[in-house]
């Protein structure tokens, strides 16, 4: 139909993130702890990549069996979710991304 906008669903990448996030709420909880620690040290800006590496480091020694996997593609979504937490606003500088359309609700 010409001239009519069709509603777009989430991209494939966003869908994969949302599924991972729903299945692994502990990942967000651990990232949140790291971010709160960083902010408690007076750091106003930080990198989500450093948080991911810290979490990987911690989980490497705490898990048995399969290695702890955390897809770097999810950093954009996690940085936006974490930036919306009270007290963490603006911790991460974000650039234009497909994650800009994340519905955090």
Protein backbone atom coordinates (compact mmCIF):
# COMPACT_ATOMS: atom_id res chain seq x y z
CA UNK A 1 0.00 0.00 0.00
CA UNK A 2 1.50 3.23 -1.11
CA UNK A 3 1.91 6.05 1.41
CA UNK A 4 1.24 3.88 4.45
CA UNK A 5 3.90 3.09 7.01
CA UNK A 6 4.00 -0.47 8.21
CA UNK A 7 5.00 -1.15 11.80
CA UNK A 8 8.46 -2.62 12.07
CA UNK A 9 9.29 -5.18 14.68
CA UNK A 10 12.62 -5.50 16.44
CA UNK A 11 15.64 -6.23 14.29
CA UNK A 12 17.10 -9.72 14.38
CA UNK A 13 19.98 -8.45 16.56
CA UNK A 14 17.58 -6.80 18.99
CA UNK A 15 15.47 -9.95 19.14
CA UNK A 16 18.55 -12.04 19.99
CA UNK A 17 19.50 -9.55 22.71
CA UNK A 18 16.00 -9.52 24.21
CA UNK A 19 15.94 -13.33 24.30
CA UNK A 20 19.39 -13.45 25.91
CA UNK A 21 18.48 -10.74 28.42
CA UNK A 22 15.25 -12.51 29.39
CA UNK A 23 17.00 -15.87 29.76
CA UNK A 24 19.98 -14.46 31.67
CA UNK A 25 18.84 -11.78 34.14
CA UNK A 26 21.95 -12.52 36.25
CA UNK A 27 24.11 -10.92 33.54
CA UNK A 28 22.33 -7.58 33.97
CA UNK A 29 22.47 -7.90 37.75
CA UNK A 30 26.23 -8.49 37.67
CA UNK A 31 26.83 -5.63 35.22
CA UNK A 32 24.74 -3.39 37.47
CA UNK A 33 26.93 -4.27 40.47
CA UNK A 34 30.07 -3.44 38.49
CA UNK A 35 28.61 -0.12 37.34
CA UNK A 36 27.51 0.86 40.83
CA UNK A 37 31.01 0.09 42.12
CA UNK A 38 32.55 2.23 39.36
CA UNK A 39 30.21 5.14 40.12
CA UNK A 40 30.85 4.78 43.88
CA UNK A 41 34.50 5.50 43.13
CA UNK A 42 33.52 8.86 41.67
CA UNK A 43 34.01 7.85 38.06
CA UNK A 44 31.61 9.78 35.85
CA UNK A 45 32.38 8.12 32.48
CA UNK A 46 33.35 4.52 31.87
CA UNK A 47 33.42 1.95 29.07
CA UNK A 48 30.92 -0.85 28.75
CA UNK A 49 33.69 -3.00 27.24
CA UNK A 50 35.61 -2.83 30.53
CA UNK A 51 32.49 -3.98 32.39
CA UNK A 52 32.07 -6.90 30.01
CA UNK A 53 35.70 -7.95 30.45
CA UNK A 54 35.42 -7.67 34.24
CA UNK A 55 32.32 -9.86 34.21
CA UNK A 56 34.02 -12.40 31.94
CA UNK A 57 37.03 -12.47 34.25
CA UNK A 58 34.87 -13.05 37.33
CA UNK A 59 32.68 -15.71 35.74
CA UNK A 60 35.61 -17.60 34.23
CA UNK A 61 36.58 -18.68 37.73
CA UNK A 62 33.08 -19.09 39.16
CA UNK A 63 31.48 -21.37 36.59
CA UNK A 64 31.90 -25.06 35.87
CA UNK A 65 31.44 -26.71 32.50
CA UNK A 66 30.76 -24.51 29.49
CA UNK A 67 32.65 -21.23 29.37
CA UNK A 68 30.76 -18.09 30.31
CA UNK A 69 29.72 -16.44 27.05
CA UNK A 70 28.84 -12.79 26.67
CA UNK A 71 28.33 -11.54 23.13
CA UNK A 72 30.03 -8.20 22.44
CA UNK A 73 27.10 -7.35 20.18
CA UNK A 74 24.98 -6.87 23.29
CA UNK A 75 27.10 -4.02 24.68
CA UNK A 76 25.04 -1.30 22.98
CA UNK A 77 21.82 -2.56 24.54
CA UNK A 78 23.27 -3.11 27.99
CA UNK A 79 24.90 0.34 28.04
CA UNK A 80 21.54 1.97 27.33
CA UNK A 81 19.72 -0.08 29.95
CA UNK A 82 22.39 0.63 32.55
CA UNK A 83 22.44 4.36 31.72
CA UNK A 84 18.75 4.44 32.64
CA UNK A 85 19.39 3.18 36.19
CA UNK A 86 19.10 5.78 38.96
CA UNK A 87 22.57 7.01 39.84
CA UNK A 88 24.14 5.67 36.64
CA UNK A 89 22.80 8.23 34.20
CA UNK A 90 25.43 9.14 31.64
CA UNK A 91 27.99 6.58 32.82
CA UNK A 92 28.35 5.36 29.25
CA UNK A 93 28.70 7.55 26.22
CA UNK A 94 26.53 6.02 23.53
CA UNK A 95 26.79 6.42 19.80
CA UNK A 96 24.06 5.96 17.23
CA UNK A 97 23.13 2.30 17.05
CA UNK A 98 20.32 -0.10 16.32
CA UNK A 99 19.97 -0.25 20.09
CA UNK A 100 18.66 3.33 20.09
CA UNK A 101 15.20 1.93 19.50
CA UNK A 102 15.26 -0.44 22.46
CA UNK A 103 12.02 -0.38 24.34
CA UNK A 104 13.24 -0.46 27.94
CA UNK A 105 9.70 -0.83 29.29
